[in-house]
Amino acid sequence: TVRNLDQEDVQGTEAAADHPGGEQEILLPGHRFSVLLRAAGFLPATLGPFEAGAAPEVLEAVLDRSAPVRGRVTAGGAPVAGARVSAGRAIPPGIRFEVNGLLSRFEGSDAAPATTAADGSFAVDIGEAGVYHLLVGAAGFAAGEAGPLDVDPTRGLEGIEIPLGRGGTLEGRVLTAAGRSPEGTVVCATRADGNPRTVRVGLDGRFRFEGLTAGPWRVMDLAAEPDPAAVSLSRVTGSAVLEANCRVEEGATTHFDLDLSARDGTVLRGVFRLGEGSMEGWSASLADEGALEPRGRAPLGADGRFEVRGRAPGRCRLLLLGPGEDLLVLDALDLAAGATEWSLSLPAGEARGTAPVGAPVALVIHLGGGRYGIAPLQPAADGSFAVKGIPAGTGRLVVLTEEIAGGDPDPARWPSEGEVEVR
């Protein structure tokens, strides 16, 4: 894999392909860049940085071998052959990572999946240091997992044992208010591993999931079944802790009823504007008071109008999430029975500055009246950043520590690393 890294855009561009003879031609960008090289079974290497037009005609690199993570997959003490073992990178503190709108405790990695041998053994090559989870899938077994594992690719890890089981069963009913049918409700069961289970219930509201990994699960309803062909990923400020509401036991059946009876009494009709552009790509959701985790999303129209239904009356928090999942606007409000009207128009601005490096960081903008804008930043290697299209005002640089990730819901209490004006 060869990646050209623009120092003002850490996402860069990537061209992944086979390189016969270890050679590859790349089109050089018109700005300062580095070249990152990755190959399965080797440690990554970086060449550069190079100034635009000043790179040598030929770049050479010698990659060092990485040490794999080795272990064995078993079931009842016997080896499991043909199991697929993959590595997921743990999400850093202060970041909420979602797959199709659902929390995931880890994201994909560059490590190629491994298949267990006849004796159940496996070796996964992980080229970058970090904290990982090993995920195991095998026919006839519930998903297995080992982690978190602190991986140093220069040393590797040995002796990782991953036992598999047949899993347990989770069943129940969708409960609705009198006169409302549960038919068509999409029920989701997730353990925040990026592989949720869903089912659409019938008139009786019953649902059943079999072969679930033993441990904590969250059962919830979704606006629609996730489309496996349209995967969306997001990284926003928030907690990566699964808010479980039931527990599955190995070889047992857990009964859990999903009670939606209190959700039928409210509708929030809102209008949100940021600057002069279209609001398409934004979404709105309602969460518990002080929470940062969205629960179902309603899209905004180009004019900023949206409608969110199905929450019980009372105090809650409105979360407005920008396109690309890189901006969050929060507001506290009281939902009345029936319809509640809401509107907010904010000027847009841009900001430049220097932020701490080595940890997740965000710009928190106080908008008055308990409202906040939160923009996660991606500083360059020297800490410099530039961000635009965010609410104007005075922002505070905040390092997203474990305490914040653990659930402090009030951005006003988050420690500041300095102020930045958004104009």
Protein backbone atom coordinates (compact mmCIF):
# COMPACT_ATOMS: atom_id res chain seq x y z
CA THR A 1 0.00 0.00 0.00
CA VAL A 2 1.35 3.41 -0.98
CA ARG A 3 -0.20 6.54 0.52
CA ASN A 4 0.57 10.15 -0.34
CA LEU A 5 0.07 12.17 2.81
CA ASP A 6 -0.89 15.80 2.38
CA GLN A 7 0.22 17.52 5.59
CA GLU A 8 -3.02 19.53 5.57
CA ASP A 9 -5.16 16.44 5.01
CA VAL A 10 -4.03 13.52 7.14
CA GLN A 11 -6.48 11.25 5.35
CA GLY A 12 -4.28 11.45 2.25
CA THR A 13 -4.81 9.41 -0.91
CA GLU A 14 -4.20 5.71 -1.23
CA ALA A 15 -3.42 3.27 -4.04
CA ALA A 16 -3.44 -0.37 -2.94
CA ALA A 17 -2.42 -3.07 -5.42
CA ASP A 18 0.06 -5.86 -6.09
CA HIS A 19 3.52 -4.51 -6.88
CA PRO A 20 5.48 -7.05 -9.00
CA GLY A 21 9.15 -6.93 -8.09
CA GLY A 22 8.36 -4.55 -5.24
CA GLU A 23 8.14 -1.57 -7.62
CA GLN A 24 5.39 1.00 -8.00
CA GLU A 25 5.05 4.30 -9.78
CA ILE A 26 3.16 7.07 -7.98
CA LEU A 27 1.88 10.44 -9.11
CA LEU A 28 3.41 13.05 -6.83
CA PRO A 29 1.13 15.71 -5.32
CA GLY A 30 1.82 19.41 -5.66
CA HIS A 31 2.44 19.94 -1.97
CA ARG A 32 4.61 18.64 0.87
CA PHE A 33 4.09 14.89 1.24
CA SER A 34 5.31 11.62 2.71
CA VAL A 35 5.04 8.09 1.36
CA LEU A 36 3.80 5.38 3.72
CA LEU A 37 4.49 1.75 2.75
CA ARG A 38 2.63 -1.24 4.16
CA ALA A 39 2.89 -4.94 3.34
CA ALA A 40 1.47 -7.98 5.08
CA GLY A 41 4.01 -9.53 7.44
CA PHE A 42 6.22 -6.43 7.56
CA LEU A 43 6.51 -3.31 9.66
CA PRO A 44 5.27 -0.13 7.93
CA ALA A 45 7.82 2.42 6.80
CA THR A 46 7.60 6.13 5.99
CA LEU A 47 9.72 7.94 3.40
CA GLY A 48 9.88 11.70 3.64
CA PRO A 49 8.51 14.22 4.14
CA PHE A 50 9.44 15.74 0.79
CA GLU A 51 8.79 19.24 -0.49
CA ALA A 52 6.77 19.54 -3.69
CA GLY A 53 9.06 19.08 -6.69
CA ALA A 54 12.04 18.12 -4.52
CA ALA A 55 11.56 14.35 -4.17
CA PRO A 56 14.22 12.06 -5.67
CA GLU A 57 13.32 10.21 -8.84
CA VAL A 58 13.64 6.82 -7.13
CA LEU A 59 12.69 6.04 -3.54
CA GLU A 60 13.95 2.84 -1.94
CA ALA A 61 12.90 1.23 1.32
CA VAL A 62 13.80 -2.00 3.11
CA LEU A 63 10.94 -3.30 5.24
CA ASP A 64 11.59 -5.26 8.42
CA ARG A 65 9.61 -8.38 9.24
CA SER A 66 6.88 -8.02 11.88
CA ALA A 67 6.27 -10.59 14.61
CA PRO A 68 2.75 -12.10 14.41
CA VAL A 69 0.13 -12.58 17.08
CA ARG A 70 -0.17 -16.34 17.58
CA GLY A 71 -2.77 -18.40 19.35
CA ARG A 72 -5.29 -21.20 19.16
CA VAL A 73 -9.05 -21.44 18.74
CA THR A 74 -10.81 -24.23 20.64
CA ALA A 75 -14.29 -25.44 21.56
CA GLY A 76 -14.70 -27.63 24.62
CA GLY A 77 -10.94 -28.05 24.71
CA ALA A 78 -10.78 -29.42 21.13
CA PRO A 79 -9.17 -27.44 18.27
CA VAL A 80 -11.39 -25.66 15.75
CA ALA A 81 -10.05 -25.77 12.20
CA GLY A 82 -11.10 -23.37 9.45
CA ALA A 83 -12.09 -20.52 11.77
CA ARG A 84 -11.54 -16.98 10.52
CA VAL A 85 -9.48 -14.77 12.85
CA SER A 86 -9.37 -11.02 12.18
CA ALA A 87 -7.98 -8.04 14.10
CA GLY A 88 -10.00 -4.95 15.01
CA ARG A 89 -8.28 -1.84 16.32
CA ALA A 90 -9.67 -0.57 19.64
CA ILE A 91 -11.29 2.87 19.55
CA PRO A 92 -9.27 5.47 21.53
CA PRO A 93 -10.80 7.16 24.59
CA GLY A 94 -13.18 10.03 23.90
CA ILE A 95 -14.21 8.76 20.46
CA ARG A 96 -17.49 7.07 19.57
CA PHE A 97 -17.13 4.95 16.42
CA GLU A 98 -20.27 3.84 14.62
CA VAL A 99 -20.96 1.40 11.80
CA ASN A 100 -24.28 2.18 10.09
CA GLY A 101 -25.27 4.32 13.08
CA LEU A 102 -24.53 1.61 15.68
CA LEU A 103 -21.74 1.73 18.25
CA SER A 104 -18.67 -0.41 17.57
CA ARG A 105 -15.90 -0.95 20.14
CA PHE A 106 -13.29 -1.32 17.41
CA GLU A 107 -12.68 -0.58 13.75
CA GLY A 108 -11.02 -2.43 10.93
CA SER A 109 -7.27 -2.77 10.60
CA ASP A 110 -4.76 -3.40 7.84
CA ALA A 111 -4.03 -6.88 9.20
CA ALA A 112 -5.09 -9.64 6.82
CA PRO A 113 -7.43 -12.25 8.40
CA ALA A 114 -5.99 -15.67 9.20
CA THR A 115 -7.57 -19.14 9.01
CA THR A 116 -6.94 -21.66 11.77
CA ALA A 117 -5.03 -24.86 10.96
CA ALA A 118 -6.11 -28.39 11.86
CA ASP A 119 -4.74 -27.93 15.38
CA GLY A 120 -6.68 -24.66 15.80
CA SER A 121 -3.54 -22.52 15.60
CA PHE A 122 -3.41 -19.13 13.87
CA ALA A 123 -0.95 -16.31 13.21
CA VAL A 124 -2.18 -12.78 12.46
CA ASP A 125 0.32 -10.23 11.16
CA ILE A 126 -0.39 -6.81 12.69
CA GLY A 127 2.02 -4.22 11.33
CA GLU A 128 1.18 -1.22 13.53
CA ALA A 129 1.51 -0.98 17.30
CA GLY A 130 -1.71 -0.41 19.22
CA VAL A 131 -4.53 -1.99 21.15
CA TYR A 132 -6.49 -4.64 19.25
CA HIS A 133 -9.26 -7.21 19.61
CA LEU A 134 -9.12 -10.57 17.83
CA LEU A 135 -12.49 -11.60 16.38
CA VAL A 136 -13.27 -15.20 15.50
CA GLY A 137 -15.99 -16.60 13.27
CA ALA A 138 -16.58 -20.32 12.72
CA ALA A 139 -19.54 -22.26 11.31
CA GLY A 140 -21.81 -23.60 14.03
CA PHE A 141 -20.36 -21.39 16.78
CA ALA A 142 -21.14 -18.01 18.28
CA ALA A 143 -18.62 -15.27 17.54
CA GLY A 144 -15.47 -15.36 19.68
CA GLU A 145 -13.30 -12.52 20.87
CA ALA A 146 -10.01 -11.91 22.67
CA GLY A 147 -8.91 -8.50 23.85
CA PRO A 148 -8.01 -5.84 24.42
CA LEU A 149 -4.46 -6.86 23.46
CA ASP A 150 -1.54 -4.43 23.52
CA VAL A 151 0.35 -5.36 20.37
CA ASP A 152 3.97 -4.47 19.60
CA PRO A 153 4.65 -5.75 16.06
CA THR A 154 8.39 -5.95 16.73
CA ARG A 155 7.74 -8.56 19.44
CA GLY A 156 4.35 -10.06 18.62
CA LEU A 157 2.28 -12.06 21.08
CA GLU A 158 2.16 -15.79 21.81
CA GLY A 159 -0.29 -18.16 23.47
CA ILE A 160 -3.59 -16.35 22.84
CA GLU A 161 -6.35 -18.87 23.61
CA ILE A 162 -9.82 -18.13 22.17
CA PRO A 163 -12.52 -20.58 23.28
CA LEU A 164 -15.76 -20.76 21.27
CA GLY A 165 -19.23 -21.77 22.38
CA ARG A 166 -22.57 -22.40 20.72
CA GLY A 167 -23.91 -19.22 22.32
CA GLY A 168 -27.28 -18.46 23.82
CA THR A 169 -30.73 -17.36 22.68
CA LEU A 170 -32.44 -13.99 23.17
CA GLU A 171 -36.19 -13.72 22.71
CA GLY A 172 -38.97 -11.34 23.62
CA ARG A 173 -41.74 -9.06 22.39
CA VAL A 174 -42.05 -5.46 21.26
CA LEU A 175 -44.48 -3.67 23.61
CA THR A 176 -46.39 -0.69 22.25
CA ALA A 177 -49.05 1.69 23.51
CA ALA A 178 -52.69 0.62 23.38
CA GLY A 179 -54.02 0.75 19.86
CA ARG A 180 -50.58 0.72 18.24
CA SER A 181 -49.34 -2.34 16.34
CA PRO A 182 -45.71 -3.50 16.68
CA GLU A 183 -45.80 -4.99 13.17
CA GLY A 184 -42.85 -3.83 11.07
CA THR A 185 -40.69 -2.73 13.99
CA VAL A 186 -37.02 -3.48 13.28
CA VAL A 187 -35.45 -4.99 16.39
CA CYS A 188 -31.67 -4.92 16.69
CA ALA A 189 -29.43 -6.86 19.09
CA THR A 190 -25.86 -5.61 19.33
CA ARG A 191 -22.77 -6.21 21.43
CA ALA A 192 -20.92 -3.30 19.75
CA ASP A 193 -18.70 -5.57 17.66
CA GLY A 194 -19.75 -4.16 14.28
CA ASN A 195 -21.96 -7.19 13.52
CA PRO A 196 -25.48 -6.49 14.84
CA ARG A 197 -28.40 -8.89 14.41
CA THR A 198 -31.75 -7.52 13.21
CA VAL A 199 -35.25 -8.83 12.60
CA ARG A 200 -38.54 -7.20 11.54
CA VAL A 201 -41.38 -8.35 13.82
CA GLY A 202 -44.89 -9.36 12.83
CA LEU A 203 -48.28 -8.60 14.36
CA ASP A 204 -47.47 -10.46 17.58
CA GLY A 205 -44.31 -8.39 18.10
CA ARG A 206 -42.19 -11.44 18.88
CA PHE A 207 -38.49 -11.66 18.08
CA ARG A 208 -35.82 -14.32 18.60
CA PHE A 209 -32.05 -14.38 18.06
CA GLU A 210 -30.06 -17.62 18.33
CA GLY A 211 -26.33 -18.30 18.53
CA LEU A 212 -25.46 -15.08 20.36
CA THR A 213 -22.12 -14.73 22.14
CA ALA A 214 -22.49 -14.93 25.90
CA GLY A 215 -22.22 -11.54 27.62
CA PRO A 216 -23.89 -8.11 27.64
CA TRP A 217 -26.15 -7.07 24.75
CA ARG A 218 -28.27 -4.08 23.90
CA VAL A 219 -31.70 -4.58 22.32
CA MET A 220 -33.15 -1.56 20.53
CA ASP A 221 -35.37 -0.60 17.63
CA LEU A 222 -34.08 0.91 14.38
CA ALA A 223 -35.74 3.15 11.84
CA ALA A 224 -34.75 0.66 9.11
CA GLU A 225 -32.69 -2.47 8.62
CA PRO A 226 -29.01 -1.68 7.90
CA ASP A 227 -28.12 -1.96 4.24
CA PRO A 228 -25.06 -4.28 4.01
CA ALA A 229 -24.20 -2.74 0.63
CA ALA A 230 -24.10 0.82 2.02
CA VAL A 231 -21.76 0.89 5.00
CA SER A 232 -21.38 4.24 6.76
CA LEU A 233 -18.68 4.95 9.34
CA SER A 234 -18.51 7.83 11.81
CA ARG A 235 -16.16 9.03 14.53
CA VAL A 236 -17.62 11.61 16.91
CA THR A 237 -17.02 12.79 20.45
CA GLY A 238 -18.74 10.48 22.91
CA SER A 239 -18.61 7.30 24.93
CA ALA A 240 -17.55 3.96 23.44
CA VAL A 241 -19.19 2.03 26.28
CA LEU A 242 -22.06 -0.27 25.31
CA GLU A 243 -25.23 0.63 27.22
CA ALA A 244 -26.36 -2.98 27.67
CA ASN A 245 -29.91 -3.76 28.78
CA CYS A 246 -29.74 -7.56 28.94
CA ARG A 247 -27.28 -10.43 29.23
CA VAL A 248 -27.03 -13.63 27.20
CA GLU A 249 -25.81 -16.82 28.90
CA GLU A 250 -24.12 -19.74 27.15
CA GLY A 251 -26.63 -22.53 26.38
CA ALA A 252 -29.56 -20.61 27.91
CA THR A 253 -32.49 -18.50 26.72
CA THR A 254 -32.76 -14.90 27.89
CA HIS A 255 -36.18 -13.20 27.77
CA PHE A 256 -36.27 -9.44 27.21
CA ASP A 257 -39.24 -7.32 26.15
CA LEU A 258 -38.52 -4.14 24.20
CA ASP A 259 -40.90 -1.60 25.73
CA LEU A 260 -41.77 1.20 23.28
CA SER A 261 -45.10 2.06 24.87
CA ALA A 262 -43.93 5.47 26.14
CA ARG A 263 -42.61 6.62 22.77
CA ASP A 264 -45.86 7.33 21.02
CA GLY A 265 -46.64 10.71 22.57
CA THR A 266 -44.24 13.31 21.11
CA VAL A 267 -43.02 14.82 17.88
CA LEU A 268 -40.24 17.39 17.55
CA ARG A 269 -40.49 19.63 14.49
CA GLY A 270 -37.35 21.65 14.00
CA VAL A 271 -35.40 23.93 11.68
CA PHE A 272 -31.62 24.20 11.90
CA ARG A 273 -29.42 26.42 9.77
CA LEU A 274 -25.64 26.79 9.79
CA GLY A 275 -24.43 29.48 7.44
CA GLU A 276 -26.03 29.93 4.04
CA GLY A 277 -25.54 26.50 2.47
CA SER A 278 -27.78 23.46 2.11
CA MET A 279 -28.36 21.34 5.21
CA GLU A 280 -28.57 18.09 3.29
CA GLY A 281 -26.42 15.40 4.89
CA TRP A 282 -27.21 16.57 8.43
CA SER A 283 -29.26 14.40 10.79
CA ALA A 284 -31.16 14.98 14.05
CA SER A 285 -31.73 12.63 16.96
CA LEU A 286 -32.89 12.76 20.57
CA ALA A 287 -30.94 11.31 23.50
CA ASP A 288 -31.26 11.17 27.25
CA GLU A 289 -30.52 14.41 29.05
CA GLY A 290 -26.76 14.92 29.08
CA ALA A 291 -26.04 11.95 26.81
CA LEU A 292 -23.85 12.15 23.72
CA GLU A 293 -25.04 8.94 22.04
CA PRO A 294 -27.60 9.41 19.24
CA ARG A 295 -30.58 7.04 19.16
CA GLY A 296 -31.93 6.78 15.64
CA ARG A 297 -31.58 9.63 13.19
CA ALA A 298 -33.91 11.79 11.13
CA PRO A 299 -32.44 13.49 8.04
CA LEU A 300 -32.57 17.26 7.58
CA GLY A 301 -33.91 18.70 4.36
CA ALA A 302 -31.95 21.23 2.31
CA ASP A 303 -33.81 23.98 4.18
CA GLY A 304 -32.84 22.50 7.55
CA ARG A 305 -36.27 21.15 8.45
CA PHE A 306 -36.59 17.85 10.30
CA GLU A 307 -39.04 15.82 12.38
CA VAL A 308 -38.22 13.36 15.16
CA ARG A 309 -40.92 11.14 16.67
CA GLY A 310 -41.30 8.46 19.28
CA ARG A 311 -39.73 9.76 22.50
CA ALA A 312 -41.50 10.07 25.84
CA PRO A 313 -42.22 13.61 27.07
CA GLY A 314 -39.64 15.20 29.35
CA ARG A 315 -36.14 16.65 29.47
CA CYS A 316 -33.77 15.41 26.75
CA ARG A 317 -30.91 16.45 24.50
CA LEU A 318 -31.10 17.21 20.80
CA LEU A 319 -28.08 16.07 18.78
CA LEU A 320 -27.48 17.48 15.30
CA LEU A 321 -24.79 15.60 13.39
CA GLY A 322 -23.10 17.10 10.35
CA PRO A 323 -22.28 15.41 7.05
CA GLY A 324 -19.20 13.27 7.29
CA GLU A 325 -19.96 12.87 11.01
CA ASP A 326 -17.35 15.56 11.80
CA LEU A 327 -19.49 18.15 13.62
CA LEU A 328 -21.95 17.82 16.48
CA VAL A 329 -24.35 20.52 17.74
CA LEU A 330 -26.08 19.95 21.10
CA ASP A 331 -29.11 21.57 22.69
CA ALA A 332 -31.07 20.72 25.84
CA LEU A 333 -34.85 20.94 25.58
CA ASP A 334 -38.14 19.88 27.16
CA LEU A 335 -40.43 17.71 25.03
CA ALA A 336 -44.12 18.24 25.65
CA ALA A 337 -46.82 15.70 24.88
CA GLY A 338 -47.85 16.22 21.29
CA ALA A 339 -45.82 18.55 19.08
CA THR A 340 -42.81 20.66 20.09
CA GLU A 341 -41.44 23.35 17.77
CA TRP A 342 -37.72 24.19 17.74
CA SER A 343 -35.45 26.37 15.59
CA LEU A 344 -31.86 27.59 15.60
CA SER A 345 -29.83 29.57 13.06
CA LEU A 346 -26.08 29.95 13.50
CA PRO A 347 -23.43 31.83 11.51
CA ALA A 348 -20.66 29.65 10.14
CA GLY A 349 -16.96 30.39 10.45
CA GLU A 350 -13.52 28.87 10.25
CA ALA A 351 -10.59 28.52 12.63
CA ARG A 352 -6.88 27.84 12.51
CA GLY A 353 -4.49 27.08 15.31
CA THR A 354 -2.26 24.57 17.01
CA ALA A 355 -3.60 21.67 19.06
CA PRO A 356 -1.98 19.05 21.29
CA VAL A 357 -0.80 15.98 19.39
CA GLY A 358 -0.77 12.35 20.42
CA ALA A 359 -4.35 12.23 21.73
CA PRO A 360 -7.86 12.81 20.33
CA VAL A 361 -8.73 16.51 20.48
CA ALA A 362 -11.83 18.57 19.67
CA LEU A 363 -12.86 22.20 19.42
CA VAL A 364 -15.81 22.88 21.76
CA ILE A 365 -17.77 26.05 20.92
CA HIS A 366 -20.13 27.51 23.55
CA LEU A 367 -23.24 28.76 21.73
CA GLY A 368 -25.14 30.04 24.77
CA GLY A 369 -28.24 28.71 26.47
CA GLY A 370 -26.75 25.27 27.11
CA ARG A 371 -25.93 24.80 23.44
CA TYR A 372 -22.57 23.59 22.17
CA GLY A 373 -20.82 22.82 18.93
CA ILE A 374 -18.20 20.04 19.01
CA ALA A 375 -15.79 19.62 16.10
CA PRO A 376 -13.24 16.75 16.36
CA LEU A 377 -9.90 17.90 14.94
CA GLN A 378 -7.25 16.10 12.92
CA PRO A 379 -4.07 18.12 13.49
CA ALA A 380 -1.02 17.68 11.30
CA ALA A 381 2.17 16.21 12.73
CA ASP A 382 3.19 19.64 14.07
CA GLY A 383 -0.21 20.15 15.72
CA SER A 384 -1.49 22.72 13.21
CA PHE A 385 -5.11 22.49 12.10
CA ALA A 386 -7.59 24.32 9.90
CA VAL A 387 -11.33 23.73 10.05
CA LYS A 388 -14.21 25.55 8.39
CA GLY A 389 -17.98 25.40 8.19
CA ILE A 390 -18.41 25.26 11.98
CA PRO A 391 -20.46 27.54 14.28
CA ALA A 392 -18.83 30.94 14.84
CA GLY A 393 -17.85 31.90 18.38
CA THR A 394 -15.17 31.26 20.96
CA GLY A 395 -13.95 27.67 20.98
CA ARG A 396 -11.96 25.74 23.56
CA LEU A 397 -9.41 23.08 22.65
CA VAL A 398 -10.26 19.93 24.63
CA VAL A 399 -8.25 16.72 24.85
CA LEU A 400 -10.76 13.85 24.90
CA THR A 401 -9.53 12.03 27.99
CA GLU A 402 -10.78 8.78 29.49
CA GLU A 403 -12.81 10.79 32.01
CA ILE A 404 -14.70 12.50 29.21
CA ALA A 405 -15.07 9.20 27.33
CA GLY A 406 -16.39 7.66 30.55
CA GLY A 407 -19.47 9.81 30.35
CA ASP A 408 -19.08 13.40 31.62
CA PRO A 409 -22.06 14.83 29.73
CA ASP A 410 -21.35 18.54 30.23
CA PRO A 411 -18.89 20.11 27.75
CA ALA A 412 -18.61 23.11 30.09
CA ARG A 413 -16.67 20.93 32.53
CA TRP A 414 -14.24 19.55 29.98
CA PRO A 415 -10.71 20.93 30.70
CA SER A 416 -9.50 23.51 28.17
CA GLU A 417 -6.10 23.54 26.47
CA GLY A 418 -6.63 27.07 25.14
CA GLU A 419 -9.12 29.23 23.26
CA VAL A 420 -9.55 29.61 19.52
CA GLU A 421 -11.78 32.15 17.79
CA VAL A 422 -14.05 30.87 15.04
CA ARG A 423 -14.78 33.70 12.62
